[in-house]
């Protein structure tokens, strides 16, 4: 997974907690999840258009 291991993920999580705080972190996570989901959907649509 992009060469990211457990120690890197822990470091990213700690930095996110420091920057956004524990109250905003769920909102940020949801926004990132929605963004990834939209990107996947757009990729699938483009792939289907190319196959036509």
PDB file of N, CA and C in Angstrom:
ATOM      1  N   UNK A   1       0.853  -1.195   0.000  1.00  0.00           N
ATOM      2  CA  UNK A   1       0.000   0.000   0.000  1.00  0.00           C
ATOM      3  C   UNK A   1       0.882   1.236   0.000  1.00  0.00           C
ATOM      4  N   UNK A   2       1.399   1.608  -1.126  1.00  0.00           N
ATOM      5  CA  UNK A   2       2.195   2.819  -1.315  1.00  0.00           C
ATOM      6  C   UNK A   2       3.431   2.864  -0.426  1.00  0.00           C
ATOM      7  N   UNK A   3       3.892   1.739   0.068  1.00  0.00           N
ATOM      8  CA  UNK A   3       5.079   1.703   0.903  1.00  0.00           C
ATOM      9  C   UNK A   3       4.881   2.328   2.274  1.00  0.00           C
ATOM     10  N   UNK A   4       3.628   2.440   2.721  1.00  0.00           N
ATOM     11  CA  UNK A   4       3.340   3.013   4.034  1.00  0.00           C
ATOM     12  C   UNK A   4       3.087   1.863   4.997  1.00  0.00           C
ATOM     13  N   UNK A   5       3.845   1.838   6.081  1.00  0.00           N
ATOM     14  CA  UNK A   5       3.690   0.791   7.076  1.00  0.00           C
ATOM     15  C   UNK A   5       2.964   1.302   8.302  1.00  0.00           C
ATOM     16  N   UNK A   6       2.898   0.472   9.298  1.00  0.00           N
ATOM     17  CA  UNK A   6       2.218   0.805  10.554  1.00  0.00           C
ATOM     18  C   UNK A   6       2.846   2.025  11.238  1.00  0.00           C
ATOM     19  N   UNK A   7       4.173   2.110  11.343  1.00  0.00           N
ATOM     20  CA  UNK A   7       4.741   3.295  12.015  1.00  0.00           C
ATOM     21  C   UNK A   7       4.387   4.613  11.313  1.00  0.00           C
ATOM     22  N   UNK A   8       4.365   4.590   9.985  1.00  0.00           N
ATOM     23  CA  UNK A   8       4.008   5.801   9.242  1.00  0.00           C
ATOM     24  C   UNK A   8       2.549   6.175   9.474  1.00  0.00           C
ATOM     25  N   UNK A   9       1.665   5.160   9.491  1.00  0.00           N
ATOM     26  CA  UNK A   9       0.250   5.432   9.726  1.00  0.00           C
ATOM     27  C   UNK A   9       0.015   6.013  11.118  1.00  0.00           C
ATOM     28  N   UNK A  10       0.731   5.506  12.107  1.00  0.00           N
ATOM     29  CA  UNK A  10       0.612   6.027  13.473  1.00  0.00           C
ATOM     30  C   UNK A  10       1.074   7.479  13.516  1.00  0.00           C
ATOM     31  N   UNK A  11       2.188   7.770  12.852  1.00  0.00           N
ATOM     32  CA  UNK A  11       2.690   9.145  12.807  1.00  0.00           C
ATOM     33  C   UNK A  11       1.688  10.083  12.141  1.00  0.00           C
ATOM     34  N   UNK A  12       1.085   9.656  11.039  1.00  0.00           N
ATOM     35  CA  UNK A  12       0.083  10.468  10.351  1.00  0.00           C
ATOM     36  C   UNK A  12      -1.121  10.708  11.256  1.00  0.00           C
ATOM     37  N   UNK A  13      -1.564   9.688  11.966  1.00  0.00           N
ATOM     38  CA  UNK A  13      -2.699   9.829  12.871  1.00  0.00           C
ATOM     39  C   UNK A  13      -2.389  10.812  14.001  1.00  0.00           C
ATOM     40  N   UNK A  14      -1.197  10.716  14.564  1.00  0.00           N
ATOM     41  CA  UNK A  14      -0.809  11.641  15.640  1.00  0.00           C
ATOM     42  C   UNK A  14      -0.759  13.074  15.122  1.00  0.00           C
ATOM     43  N   UNK A  15      -0.199  13.272  13.946  1.00  0.00           N
ATOM     44  CA  UNK A  15      -0.158  14.620  13.358  1.00  0.00           C
ATOM     45  C   UNK A  15      -1.561  15.155  13.089  1.00  0.00           C
ATOM     46  N   UNK A  16      -2.444  14.285  12.592  1.00  0.00           N
ATOM     47  CA  UNK A  16      -3.822  14.712  12.336  1.00  0.00           C
ATOM     48  C   UNK A  16      -4.515  15.101  13.631  1.00  0.00           C
ATOM     49  N   UNK A  17      -4.289  14.363  14.693  1.00  0.00           N
ATOM     50  CA  UNK A  17      -4.882  14.705  15.991  1.00  0.00           C
ATOM     51  C   UNK A  17      -4.371  16.055  16.485  1.00  0.00           C
ATOM     52  N   UNK A  18      -3.082  16.306  16.290  1.00  0.00           N
ATOM     53  CA  UNK A  18      -2.510  17.576  16.735  1.00  0.00           C
ATOM     54  C   UNK A  18      -3.062  18.734  15.905  1.00  0.00           C
ATOM     55  N   UNK A  19      -3.138  18.548  14.596  1.00  0.00           N
ATOM     56  CA  UNK A  19      -3.564  19.640  13.708  1.00  0.00           C
ATOM     57  C   UNK A  19      -5.062  19.908  13.845  1.00  0.00           C
ATOM     58  N   UNK A  20      -5.887  18.872  13.758  1.00  0.00           N
ATOM     59  CA  UNK A  20      -7.336  19.063  13.715  1.00  0.00           C
ATOM     60  C   UNK A  20      -8.011  18.927  15.068  1.00  0.00           C
ATOM     61  N   UNK A  21      -7.389  18.259  15.991  1.00  0.00           N
ATOM     62  CA  UNK A  21      -8.006  18.030  17.290  1.00  0.00           C
ATOM     63  C   UNK A  21      -8.959  16.864  17.229  1.00  0.00           C
ATOM     64  N   UNK A  22      -9.245  16.275  18.375  1.00  0.00           N
ATOM     65  CA  UNK A  22     -10.093  15.076  18.390  1.00  0.00           C
ATOM     66  C   UNK A  22     -11.539  15.345  17.975  1.00  0.00           C
ATOM     67  N   UNK A  23     -12.024  16.564  18.130  1.00  0.00           N
ATOM     68  CA  UNK A  23     -13.406  16.870  17.766  1.00  0.00           C
ATOM     69  C   UNK A  23     -13.629  16.933  16.269  1.00  0.00           C
ATOM     70  N   UNK A  24     -12.659  17.449  15.538  1.00  0.00           N
ATOM     71  CA  UNK A  24     -12.794  17.608  14.089  1.00  0.00           C
ATOM     72  C   UNK A  24     -12.346  16.387  13.305  1.00  0.00           C
ATOM     73  N   UNK A  25     -11.608  15.488  13.943  1.00  0.00           N
ATOM     74  CA  UNK A  25     -11.045  14.354  13.229  1.00  0.00           C
ATOM     75  C   UNK A  25     -12.102  13.479  12.540  1.00  0.00           C
ATOM     76  N   UNK A  26     -13.238  13.161  13.163  1.00  0.00           N
ATOM     77  CA  UNK A  26     -14.250  12.370  12.444  1.00  0.00           C
ATOM     78  C   UNK A  26     -14.790  13.076  11.199  1.00  0.00           C
ATOM     79  N   UNK A  27     -14.949  14.394  11.287  1.00  0.00           N
ATOM     80  CA  UNK A  27     -15.422  15.150  10.123  1.00  0.00           C
ATOM     81  C   UNK A  27     -14.408  15.089   8.986  1.00  0.00           C
ATOM     82  N   UNK A  28     -13.139  15.222   9.329  1.00  0.00           N
ATOM     83  CA  UNK A  28     -12.083  15.154   8.322  1.00  0.00           C
ATOM     84  C   UNK A  28     -12.054  13.761   7.698  1.00  0.00           C
ATOM     85  N   UNK A  29     -12.188  12.736   8.511  1.00  0.00           N
ATOM     86  CA  UNK A  29     -12.208  11.367   8.005  1.00  0.00           C
ATOM     87  C   UNK A  29     -13.364  11.123   7.048  1.00  0.00           C
ATOM     88  N   UNK A  30     -14.537  11.629   7.391  1.00  0.00           N
ATOM     89  CA  UNK A  30     -15.694  11.482   6.507  1.00  0.00           C
ATOM     90  C   UNK A  30     -15.462  12.203   5.190  1.00  0.00           C
ATOM     91  N   UNK A  31     -14.905  13.404   5.247  1.00  0.00           N
ATOM     92  CA  UNK A  31     -14.657  14.174   4.032  1.00  0.00           C
ATOM     93  C   UNK A  31     -13.652  13.460   3.131  1.00  0.00           C
ATOM     94  N   UNK A  32     -12.608  12.902   3.729  1.00  0.00           N
ATOM     95  CA  UNK A  32     -11.615  12.162   2.943  1.00  0.00           C
ATOM     96  C   UNK A  32     -12.259  10.925   2.335  1.00  0.00           C
ATOM     97  N   UNK A  33     -13.070  10.226   3.106  1.00  0.00           N
ATOM     98  CA  UNK A  33     -13.762   9.042   2.598  1.00  0.00           C
ATOM     99  C   UNK A  33     -14.682   9.360   1.437  1.00  0.00           C
ATOM    100  N   UNK A  34     -15.430  10.449   1.553  1.00  0.00           N
ATOM    101  CA  UNK A  34     -16.311  10.869   0.451  1.00  0.00           C
ATOM    102  C   UNK A  34     -15.494  11.214  -0.787  1.00  0.00           C
ATOM    103  N   UNK A  35     -14.382  11.902  -0.592  1.00  0.00           N
ATOM    104  CA  UNK A  35     -13.529  12.265  -1.720  1.00  0.00           C
ATOM    105  C   UNK A  35     -12.980  11.050  -2.438  1.00  0.00           C
ATOM    106  N   UNK A  36     -12.525  10.070  -1.681  1.00  0.00           N
ATOM    107  CA  UNK A  36     -12.008   8.844  -2.284  1.00  0.00           C
ATOM    108  C   UNK A  36     -13.117   8.107  -3.019  1.00  0.00           C
ATOM    109  N   UNK A  37     -14.306   8.062  -2.424  1.00  0.00           N
ATOM    110  CA  UNK A  37     -15.445   7.397  -3.051  1.00  0.00           C
ATOM    111  C   UNK A  37     -15.829   8.079  -4.368  1.00  0.00           C
ATOM    112  N   UNK A  38     -15.866   9.392  -4.370  1.00  0.00           N
ATOM    113  CA  UNK A  38     -16.192  10.123  -5.597  1.00  0.00           C
ATOM    114  C   UNK A  38     -15.126   9.890  -6.668  1.00  0.00           C
ATOM    115  N   UNK A  39     -13.880   9.846  -6.251  1.00  0.00           N
ATOM    116  CA  UNK A  39     -12.798   9.597  -7.208  1.00  0.00           C
ATOM    117  C   UNK A  39     -12.941   8.220  -7.839  1.00  0.00           C
ATOM    118  N   UNK A  40     -13.262   7.212  -7.022  1.00  0.00           N
ATOM    119  CA  UNK A  40     -13.444   5.852  -7.540  1.00  0.00           C
ATOM    120  C   UNK A  40     -14.606   5.801  -8.522  1.00  0.00           C
ATOM    121  N   UNK A  41     -15.713   6.457  -8.167  1.00  0.00           N
ATOM    122  CA  UNK A  41     -16.877   6.462  -9.053  1.00  0.00           C
ATOM    123  C   UNK A  41     -16.553   7.141 -10.378  1.00  0.00           C
ATOM    124  N   UNK A  42     -15.851   8.260 -10.324  1.00  0.00           N
ATOM    125  CA  UNK A  42     -15.477   8.959 -11.553  1.00  0.00           C
ATOM    126  C   UNK A  42     -14.537   8.104 -12.392  1.00  0.00           C
ATOM    127  N   UNK A  43     -13.628   7.401 -11.750  1.00  0.00           N
ATOM    128  CA  UNK A  43     -12.698   6.520 -12.469  1.00  0.00           C
ATOM    129  C   UNK A  43     -13.461   5.401 -13.172  1.00  0.00           C
ATOM    130  N   UNK A  44     -14.438   4.832 -12.480  1.00  0.00           N
ATOM    131  CA  UNK A  44     -15.241   3.759 -13.092  1.00  0.00           C
ATOM    132  C   UNK A  44     -16.020   4.285 -14.296  1.00  0.00           C
ATOM    133  N   UNK A  45     -16.602   5.483 -14.168  1.00  0.00           N
ATOM    134  CA  UNK A  45     -17.364   6.057 -15.270  1.00  0.00           C
ATOM    135  C   UNK A  45     -16.471   6.307 -16.480  1.00  0.00           C
ATOM    136  N   UNK A  46     -15.278   6.827 -16.253  1.00  0.00           N
ATOM    137  CA  UNK A  46     -14.354   7.078 -17.354  1.00  0.00           C
ATOM    138  C   UNK A  46     -13.935   5.768 -18.000  1.00  0.00           C
ATOM    139  N   UNK A  47     -13.678   4.752 -17.163  1.00  0.00           N
ATOM    140  CA  UNK A  47     -13.290   3.446 -17.672  1.00  0.00           C
ATOM    141  C   UNK A  47     -14.405   2.850 -18.532  1.00  0.00           C
ATOM    142  N   UNK A  48     -15.647   3.004 -18.107  1.00  0.00           N
ATOM    143  CA  UNK A  48     -16.779   2.482 -18.887  1.00  0.00           C
ATOM    144  C   UNK A  48     -16.929   3.230 -20.201  1.00  0.00           C
ATOM    145  N   UNK A  49     -16.688   4.531 -20.192  1.00  0.00           N
ATOM    146  CA  UNK A  49     -16.781   5.318 -21.425  1.00  0.00           C
ATOM    147  C   UNK A  49     -15.702   4.894 -22.417  1.00  0.00           C
ATOM    148  N   UNK A  50     -14.527   4.603 -21.918  1.00  0.00           N
ATOM    149  CA  UNK A  50     -13.426   4.199 -22.786  1.00  0.00           C
ATOM    150  C   UNK A  50     -13.727   2.840 -23.401  1.00  0.00           C
ATOM    151  N   UNK A  51     -14.333   1.937 -22.622  1.00  0.00           N
ATOM    152  CA  UNK A  51     -14.639   0.589 -23.123  1.00  0.00           C
ATOM    153  C   UNK A  51     -15.728   0.615 -24.186  1.00  0.00           C
ATOM    154  N   UNK A  52     -16.575   1.634 -24.200  1.00  0.00           N
ATOM    155  CA  UNK A  52     -17.641   1.723 -25.215  1.00  0.00           C
ATOM    156  C   UNK A  52     -16.999   2.041 -26.505  1.00  0.00           C
TER     157      UNK A  52
END
